[in-house]
Structures are given as C-alpha cells and as structure tokens.
C-alpha cells in the first residue's frame, strides 16, 4: 500500500472544515501542509493560525513541509501542533544535521526536501539520520504545475542510496502527482505520494485517494 498525503494547498479555504472532514473519512494516512514564506519560494501560503485550526480537527498524521528560510526556528511550535513529520529543505538549512537532531529531540520524524535541481548525492552523509526524503517534482511555490520527468530517474538513484546505506528513509514525491505519473513513481520506488489538485478537484476525492493508495 502506498501512503497518500493530500496537499492542503489545493483545498477550498472557504470550506476547510468540509475538506478536512473528507480527509478524515478517506483512506489517506497523512495530510501534507505546505508552509511558504514568500522568501525561500515566490509565494505565501499559510502559517500557524491555519496549522493550529487544521491540527485541532484533522485525525490524520500531519506532514508539515516548510518552504521557508530558517525552518529551525519553528521546531518547538511544530511539535506543539502534534505534527508527525517536519520536513525542511536541504537548500534552506546551513546546519542540516543539527536541525535534524533538534526535530528528533522534539519528538517528530525528520524529513529533508530536495528541489528539482539538487542531486540526491548531497544526502550521502545524512541519509542514515533522516526518516524521509521529499523530492520536489515541480519547482516549489505553486500548485498545479507540470511534472518534471527527471524525477523518475532521481527516485531510482535515491532508492539505491537508501538501500546501499542501510537507511530506513521513506521516499515522498510532491508535484504533478496524478493518474499518469503516480503509477510510474510507485514503480520507481516511491513510498508516499503528495497530491493536491488531483485529489481536491476530483469528482470523488475519496475514490481518488483510494486509487492512489492501491497502486
């Protein structure tokens, strides 16, 4: 079974309660929360008032993805939400090992995200310490973008690195995940699929989630 982590960024923000209820009733195991600061990425999404509201209603594990500068400043606040996973960008963390340690010490799993142009080889010295790697299959900042084809080969390289190092890290992919790309990603070795528009804009979102989970 594939873990499905629908991306809240594509939800209807006028009816978040309804969309979170749908997630709670669905077979999705996680909910993906994209926090953007308008500095690290060219867009602003939502902050802690929204995260806290979502955390109070969502029964699924929270998969928090920080597309921000200085994510280490928000470790305690994220842990207080009850987040299961705190995901930080390799490109945003000068002292990545320390940040990963602090995330673990706060009681969360630690994920590291790579932008499309960042090679998986940069993780060689930390792959054994992290719980998940998120590969961006679009340039971060906006939903609904076209899938970058090189991601398939990148997943395979990452899978090799994980196996050779003995790491237990999961592989997550975010961006352009839909009916055509999802099966190829799972076949390449992806454990967790993040999907936004494809899920939330579907005629039957719960059926769409079930389809992704059963790949």
C-alpha atoms as a PDB file:
ATOM      1  CA  UNK A   1       0.000   0.000   0.000  1.00  0.00           C
ATOM      2  CA  UNK A   2       1.207   3.490  -0.881  1.00  0.00           C
ATOM      3  CA  UNK A   3       0.915   6.233   1.739  1.00  0.00           C
ATOM      4  CA  UNK A   4      -1.217   9.105   0.389  1.00  0.00           C
ATOM      5  CA  UNK A   5      -0.643  12.613   1.766  1.00  0.00           C
ATOM      6  CA  UNK A   6      -3.162  15.015   0.156  1.00  0.00           C
ATOM      7  CA  UNK A   7      -1.856  18.586  -0.054  1.00  0.00           C
ATOM      8  CA  UNK A   8      -3.970  21.113   1.833  1.00  0.00           C
ATOM      9  CA  UNK A   9      -2.742  23.849  -0.532  1.00  0.00           C
ATOM     10  CA  UNK A  10      -5.327  22.651  -3.075  1.00  0.00           C
ATOM     11  CA  UNK A  11      -8.237  22.589  -0.600  1.00  0.00           C
ATOM     12  CA  UNK A  12     -11.115  25.080  -0.567  1.00  0.00           C
ATOM     13  CA  UNK A  13     -10.036  27.578   2.091  1.00  0.00           C
ATOM     14  CA  UNK A  14     -13.601  28.901   2.440  1.00  0.00           C
ATOM     15  CA  UNK A  15     -14.688  25.389   3.435  1.00  0.00           C
ATOM     16  CA  UNK A  16     -11.630  23.911   5.147  1.00  0.00           C
ATOM     17  CA  UNK A  17     -13.777  22.151   7.745  1.00  0.00           C
ATOM     18  CA  UNK A  18     -15.576  20.246   4.978  1.00  0.00           C
ATOM     19  CA  UNK A  19     -12.343  19.298   3.199  1.00  0.00           C
ATOM     20  CA  UNK A  20     -10.694  18.132   6.427  1.00  0.00           C
ATOM     21  CA  UNK A  21     -13.746  16.043   7.227  1.00  0.00           C
ATOM     22  CA  UNK A  22     -13.339  14.425   3.805  1.00  0.00           C
ATOM     23  CA  UNK A  23      -9.663  13.671   4.588  1.00  0.00           C
ATOM     24  CA  UNK A  24     -10.634  12.222   7.980  1.00  0.00           C
ATOM     25  CA  UNK A  25     -13.151   9.896   6.315  1.00  0.00           C
ATOM     26  CA  UNK A  26     -10.787   8.909   3.487  1.00  0.00           C
ATOM     27  CA  UNK A  27      -8.047   6.270   3.300  1.00  0.00           C
ATOM     28  CA  UNK A  28      -5.332   8.953   3.293  1.00  0.00           C
ATOM     29  CA  UNK A  29      -2.872   8.277   6.115  1.00  0.00           C
ATOM     30  CA  UNK A  30      -1.280  11.737   6.198  1.00  0.00           C
ATOM     31  CA  UNK A  31      -2.169  15.363   5.435  1.00  0.00           C
ATOM     32  CA  UNK A  32       0.533  17.424   3.707  1.00  0.00           C
ATOM     33  CA  UNK A  33       0.834  21.051   4.835  1.00  0.00           C
ATOM     34  CA  UNK A  34       2.915  23.420   2.683  1.00  0.00           C
ATOM     35  CA  UNK A  35       4.150  26.460   4.611  1.00  0.00           C
ATOM     36  CA  UNK A  36       5.605  29.154   2.298  1.00  0.00           C
ATOM     37  CA  UNK A  37       7.183  32.455   3.324  1.00  0.00           C
ATOM     38  CA  UNK A  38       7.495  34.416   0.057  1.00  0.00           C
ATOM     39  CA  UNK A  39      11.287  34.464   0.563  1.00  0.00           C
ATOM     40  CA  UNK A  40      12.515  30.900   0.031  1.00  0.00           C
ATOM     41  CA  UNK A  41       9.774  30.403  -2.575  1.00  0.00           C
ATOM     42  CA  UNK A  42       7.908  33.067  -4.586  1.00  0.00           C
ATOM     43  CA  UNK A  43       4.600  32.565  -2.828  1.00  0.00           C
ATOM     44  CA  UNK A  44       2.980  32.826   0.622  1.00  0.00           C
ATOM     45  CA  UNK A  45       0.593  30.110   1.803  1.00  0.00           C
ATOM     46  CA  UNK A  46      -0.470  29.938   5.454  1.00  0.00           C
ATOM     47  CA  UNK A  47       1.035  29.999   8.934  1.00  0.00           C
ATOM     48  CA  UNK A  48       0.370  28.816  12.470  1.00  0.00           C
ATOM     49  CA  UNK A  49      -3.225  30.091  12.886  1.00  0.00           C
ATOM     50  CA  UNK A  50      -4.270  27.823   9.994  1.00  0.00           C
ATOM     51  CA  UNK A  51      -1.974  24.971  11.100  1.00  0.00           C
ATOM     52  CA  UNK A  52      -3.441  25.071  14.608  1.00  0.00           C
ATOM     53  CA  UNK A  53      -7.011  25.070  13.295  1.00  0.00           C
ATOM     54  CA  UNK A  54      -6.269  22.123  11.000  1.00  0.00           C
ATOM     55  CA  UNK A  55      -4.469  20.203  13.766  1.00  0.00           C
ATOM     56  CA  UNK A  56      -7.493  20.582  16.047  1.00  0.00           C
ATOM     57  CA  UNK A  57      -9.806  18.863  13.521  1.00  0.00           C
ATOM     58  CA  UNK A  58      -7.606  16.516  11.454  1.00  0.00           C
ATOM     59  CA  UNK A  59      -7.351  12.921  12.667  1.00  0.00           C
ATOM     60  CA  UNK A  60      -4.579  12.012  10.196  1.00  0.00           C
ATOM     61  CA  UNK A  61      -0.821  12.353  10.746  1.00  0.00           C
ATOM     62  CA  UNK A  62       0.389  15.866   9.908  1.00  0.00           C
ATOM     63  CA  UNK A  63       3.179  16.007   7.313  1.00  0.00           C
ATOM     64  CA  UNK A  64       4.435  19.610   7.605  1.00  0.00           C
ATOM     65  CA  UNK A  65       6.617  20.850   4.730  1.00  0.00           C
ATOM     66  CA  UNK A  66       8.452  24.123   5.348  1.00  0.00           C
ATOM     67  CA  UNK A  67       9.386  26.025   2.178  1.00  0.00           C
ATOM     68  CA  UNK A  68      10.886  28.813   4.251  1.00  0.00           C
ATOM     69  CA  UNK A  69      14.204  30.284   5.355  1.00  0.00           C
ATOM     70  CA  UNK A  70      15.282  29.355   8.912  1.00  0.00           C
ATOM     71  CA  UNK A  71      12.820  26.494   9.469  1.00  0.00           C
ATOM     72  CA  UNK A  72      14.793  25.539  12.589  1.00  0.00           C
ATOM     73  CA  UNK A  73      13.180  28.499  14.368  1.00  0.00           C
ATOM     74  CA  UNK A  74       9.794  26.742  14.277  1.00  0.00           C
ATOM     75  CA  UNK A  75      10.667  23.258  15.562  1.00  0.00           C
ATOM     76  CA  UNK A  76       9.085  23.678  19.008  1.00  0.00           C
ATOM     77  CA  UNK A  77       5.951  25.296  17.601  1.00  0.00           C
ATOM     78  CA  UNK A  78       5.569  22.499  15.045  1.00  0.00           C
ATOM     79  CA  UNK A  79       5.995  19.823  17.713  1.00  0.00           C
ATOM     80  CA  UNK A  80       3.356  21.588  19.836  1.00  0.00           C
ATOM     81  CA  UNK A  81       0.874  21.165  16.966  1.00  0.00           C
ATOM     82  CA  UNK A  82       1.322  17.411  17.302  1.00  0.00           C
ATOM     83  CA  UNK A  83       2.945  17.128  13.854  1.00  0.00           C
ATOM     84  CA  UNK A  84       4.243  13.671  12.961  1.00  0.00           C
ATOM     85  CA  UNK A  85       6.771  14.819  10.323  1.00  0.00           C
ATOM     86  CA  UNK A  86       8.680  18.089   9.999  1.00  0.00           C
ATOM     87  CA  UNK A  87      10.120  18.475   6.552  1.00  0.00           C
ATOM     88  CA  UNK A  88      12.850  21.041   5.832  1.00  0.00           C
ATOM     89  CA  UNK A  89      14.619  21.950   2.601  1.00  0.00           C
ATOM     90  CA  UNK A  90      18.244  20.935   2.201  1.00  0.00           C
ATOM     91  CA  UNK A  91      18.741  24.274   0.406  1.00  0.00           C
ATOM     92  CA  UNK A  92      17.410  26.270   3.405  1.00  0.00           C
ATOM     93  CA  UNK A  93      19.474  24.638   6.169  1.00  0.00           C
ATOM     94  CA  UNK A  94      23.124  25.579   6.642  1.00  0.00           C
ATOM     95  CA  UNK A  95      23.406  23.209   9.617  1.00  0.00           C
ATOM     96  CA  UNK A  96      21.182  20.379   8.429  1.00  0.00           C
ATOM     97  CA  UNK A  97      22.463  17.702  10.815  1.00  0.00           C
ATOM     98  CA  UNK A  98      21.783  19.916  13.838  1.00  0.00           C
ATOM     99  CA  UNK A  99      18.285  20.745  12.553  1.00  0.00           C
ATOM    100  CA  UNK A 100      17.505  17.034  12.050  1.00  0.00           C
ATOM    101  CA  UNK A 101      18.714  16.279  15.587  1.00  0.00           C
ATOM    102  CA  UNK A 102      16.536  19.052  17.021  1.00  0.00           C
ATOM    103  CA  UNK A 103      13.474  17.789  15.123  1.00  0.00           C
ATOM    104  CA  UNK A 104      14.044  14.305  16.573  1.00  0.00           C
ATOM    105  CA  UNK A 105      14.639  15.697  20.066  1.00  0.00           C
ATOM    106  CA  UNK A 106      11.277  17.488  19.797  1.00  0.00           C
ATOM    107  CA  UNK A 107       9.596  14.110  19.229  1.00  0.00           C
ATOM    108  CA  UNK A 108       8.932  14.325  15.479  1.00  0.00           C
ATOM    109  CA  UNK A 109      10.172  12.440  12.452  1.00  0.00           C
ATOM    110  CA  UNK A 110      12.605  14.419  10.267  1.00  0.00           C
ATOM    111  CA  UNK A 111      12.170  14.824   6.529  1.00  0.00           C
ATOM    112  CA  UNK A 112      14.556  16.552   4.115  1.00  0.00           C
ATOM    113  CA  UNK A 113      13.296  18.036   0.854  1.00  0.00           C
ATOM    114  CA  UNK A 114      15.306  18.460  -2.347  1.00  0.00           C
ATOM    115  CA  UNK A 115      14.468  20.954  -5.092  1.00  0.00           C
ATOM    116  CA  UNK A 116      14.400  19.628  -8.681  1.00  0.00           C
ATOM    117  CA  UNK A 117      17.973  20.785  -9.451  1.00  0.00           C
ATOM    118  CA  UNK A 118      19.505  19.412  -6.219  1.00  0.00           C
ATOM    119  CA  UNK A 119      21.100  15.959  -6.694  1.00  0.00           C
ATOM    120  CA  UNK A 120      20.378  13.124  -4.256  1.00  0.00           C
ATOM    121  CA  UNK A 121      24.125  12.707  -3.668  1.00  0.00           C
ATOM    122  CA  UNK A 122      24.088  15.685  -1.252  1.00  0.00           C
ATOM    123  CA  UNK A 123      22.323  13.403   1.249  1.00  0.00           C
ATOM    124  CA  UNK A 124      25.078  10.765   1.423  1.00  0.00           C
ATOM    125  CA  UNK A 125      26.303  11.882   4.846  1.00  0.00           C
ATOM    126  CA  UNK A 126      22.890  12.283   6.462  1.00  0.00           C
ATOM    127  CA  UNK A 127      20.668   9.652   4.822  1.00  0.00           C
ATOM    128  CA  UNK A 128      21.056   7.348   7.842  1.00  0.00           C
ATOM    129  CA  UNK A 129      19.744  10.031  10.205  1.00  0.00           C
ATOM    130  CA  UNK A 130      16.549  11.015   8.416  1.00  0.00           C
ATOM    131  CA  UNK A 131      13.128   9.397   8.255  1.00  0.00           C
ATOM    132  CA  UNK A 132      12.072  10.610   4.828  1.00  0.00           C
ATOM    133  CA  UNK A 133      13.300  12.384   1.700  1.00  0.00           C
ATOM    134  CA  UNK A 134      10.819  14.521  -0.228  1.00  0.00           C
ATOM    135  CA  UNK A 135      11.710  15.003  -3.888  1.00  0.00           C
ATOM    136  CA  UNK A 136      10.053  18.020  -5.473  1.00  0.00           C
ATOM    137  CA  UNK A 137       8.829  17.023  -8.928  1.00  0.00           C
ATOM    138  CA  UNK A 138       7.920  20.651  -9.720  1.00  0.00           C
ATOM    139  CA  UNK A 139       9.655  23.871  -8.710  1.00  0.00           C
ATOM    140  CA  UNK A 140       8.297  24.707  -5.245  1.00  0.00           C
ATOM    141  CA  UNK A 141       5.969  27.634  -4.694  1.00  0.00           C
ATOM    142  CA  UNK A 142       2.823  26.903  -6.681  1.00  0.00           C
ATOM    143  CA  UNK A 143       0.333  24.060  -7.087  1.00  0.00           C
ATOM    144  CA  UNK A 144      -0.867  22.636 -10.388  1.00  0.00           C
ATOM    145  CA  UNK A 145       2.493  22.637 -12.206  1.00  0.00           C
ATOM    146  CA  UNK A 146       3.677  20.152 -14.841  1.00  0.00           C
ATOM    147  CA  UNK A 147       5.591  17.127 -13.589  1.00  0.00           C
ATOM    148  CA  UNK A 148       9.386  17.193 -14.199  1.00  0.00           C
ATOM    149  CA  UNK A 149      10.237  13.911 -15.968  1.00  0.00           C
ATOM    150  CA  UNK A 150      13.746  13.607 -14.493  1.00  0.00           C
ATOM    151  CA  UNK A 151      12.077  12.842 -11.146  1.00  0.00           C
ATOM    152  CA  UNK A 152      11.593   9.172 -12.117  1.00  0.00           C
ATOM    153  CA  UNK A 153      15.348   8.639 -12.577  1.00  0.00           C
ATOM    154  CA  UNK A 154      16.004  10.673  -9.422  1.00  0.00           C
ATOM    155  CA  UNK A 155      13.719   8.388  -7.373  1.00  0.00           C
ATOM    156  CA  UNK A 156      15.687   5.373  -8.593  1.00  0.00           C
ATOM    157  CA  UNK A 157      19.009   6.999  -7.633  1.00  0.00           C
ATOM    158  CA  UNK A 158      17.641   7.846  -4.199  1.00  0.00           C
ATOM    159  CA  UNK A 159      16.321   4.290  -3.735  1.00  0.00           C
ATOM    160  CA  UNK A 160      19.832   2.947  -4.470  1.00  0.00           C
ATOM    161  CA  UNK A 161      21.397   5.383  -1.992  1.00  0.00           C
ATOM    162  CA  UNK A 162      18.914   4.329   0.727  1.00  0.00           C
ATOM    163  CA  UNK A 163      19.488   0.610   0.110  1.00  0.00           C
ATOM    164  CA  UNK A 164      23.296   0.886  -0.053  1.00  0.00           C
ATOM    165  CA  UNK A 165      23.449   2.933   3.171  1.00  0.00           C
ATOM    166  CA  UNK A 166      21.026   0.726   5.118  1.00  0.00           C
ATOM    167  CA  UNK A 167      18.816   3.771   5.777  1.00  0.00           C
ATOM    168  CA  UNK A 168      15.128   3.293   6.611  1.00  0.00           C
ATOM    169  CA  UNK A 169      14.138   6.607   4.985  1.00  0.00           C
ATOM    170  CA  UNK A 170      10.877   6.741   3.048  1.00  0.00           C
ATOM    171  CA  UNK A 171      10.703   8.436  -0.364  1.00  0.00           C
ATOM    172  CA  UNK A 172       7.988  11.053  -0.858  1.00  0.00           C
ATOM    173  CA  UNK A 173       7.257  12.949  -4.088  1.00  0.00           C
ATOM    174  CA  UNK A 174       5.325  16.208  -4.410  1.00  0.00           C
ATOM    175  CA  UNK A 175       4.232  17.939  -7.620  1.00  0.00           C
ATOM    176  CA  UNK A 176       2.188  16.871 -10.628  1.00  0.00           C
ATOM    177  CA  UNK A 177       1.130  13.580  -8.997  1.00  0.00           C
ATOM    178  CA  UNK A 178      -1.911  12.296 -10.902  1.00  0.00           C
ATOM    179  CA  UNK A 179      -3.274   9.266 -12.787  1.00  0.00           C
ATOM    180  CA  UNK A 180      -0.440   9.134 -15.341  1.00  0.00           C
ATOM    181  CA  UNK A 181       2.567   9.896 -13.113  1.00  0.00           C
ATOM    182  CA  UNK A 182       1.598   8.168  -9.841  1.00  0.00           C
ATOM    183  CA  UNK A 183       1.929   4.526 -11.049  1.00  0.00           C
ATOM    184  CA  UNK A 184       5.345   5.265 -12.573  1.00  0.00           C
ATOM    185  CA  UNK A 185       6.525   6.895  -9.342  1.00  0.00           C
ATOM    186  CA  UNK A 186       5.418   3.933  -7.219  1.00  0.00           C
ATOM    187  CA  UNK A 187       7.087   1.529  -9.650  1.00  0.00           C
ATOM    188  CA  UNK A 188      10.332   3.555  -9.349  1.00  0.00           C
ATOM    189  CA  UNK A 189      10.273   3.201  -5.552  1.00  0.00           C
ATOM    190  CA  UNK A 190       8.139   5.992  -4.060  1.00  0.00           C
ATOM    191  CA  UNK A 191       6.526   5.243  -0.667  1.00  0.00           C
ATOM    192  CA  UNK A 192       4.498   8.435  -0.152  1.00  0.00           C
ATOM    193  CA  UNK A 193       2.522  10.366  -2.780  1.00  0.00           C
ATOM    194  CA  UNK A 194       1.625  14.015  -2.173  1.00  0.00           C
ATOM    195  CA  UNK A 195      -1.263  15.078  -4.375  1.00  0.00           C
ATOM    196  CA  UNK A 196      -3.132  18.376  -4.321  1.00  0.00           C
ATOM    197  CA  UNK A 197      -5.286  19.400  -7.267  1.00  0.00           C
ATOM    198  CA  UNK A 198      -5.727  15.805  -8.469  1.00  0.00           C
ATOM    199  CA  UNK A 199      -7.365  14.887  -5.129  1.00  0.00           C
ATOM    200  CA  UNK A 200      -9.220  18.030  -4.074  1.00  0.00           C
ATOM    201  CA  UNK A 201     -10.549  18.917  -7.551  1.00  0.00           C
ATOM    202  CA  UNK A 202     -11.665  15.345  -8.251  1.00  0.00           C
ATOM    203  CA  UNK A 203     -15.329  14.481  -8.664  1.00  0.00           C
ATOM    204  CA  UNK A 204     -14.901  11.901  -5.913  1.00  0.00           C
ATOM    205  CA  UNK A 205     -11.828  12.785  -3.805  1.00  0.00           C
ATOM    206  CA  UNK A 206     -12.148   9.746  -1.514  1.00  0.00           C
ATOM    207  CA  UNK A 207     -12.183   7.377  -4.507  1.00  0.00           C
ATOM    208  CA  UNK A 208      -9.182   9.218  -5.975  1.00  0.00           C
ATOM    209  CA  UNK A 209      -7.282   8.757  -2.692  1.00  0.00           C
ATOM    210  CA  UNK A 210      -8.220   5.063  -2.633  1.00  0.00           C
ATOM    211  CA  UNK A 211      -6.913   4.672  -6.184  1.00  0.00           C
ATOM    212  CA  UNK A 212      -3.556   6.221  -5.285  1.00  0.00           C
ATOM    213  CA  UNK A 213      -3.278   4.124  -2.135  1.00  0.00           C
ATOM    214  CA  UNK A 214      -3.832   0.878  -4.017  1.00  0.00           C
ATOM    215  CA  UNK A 215      -1.088   1.467  -6.595  1.00  0.00           C
END
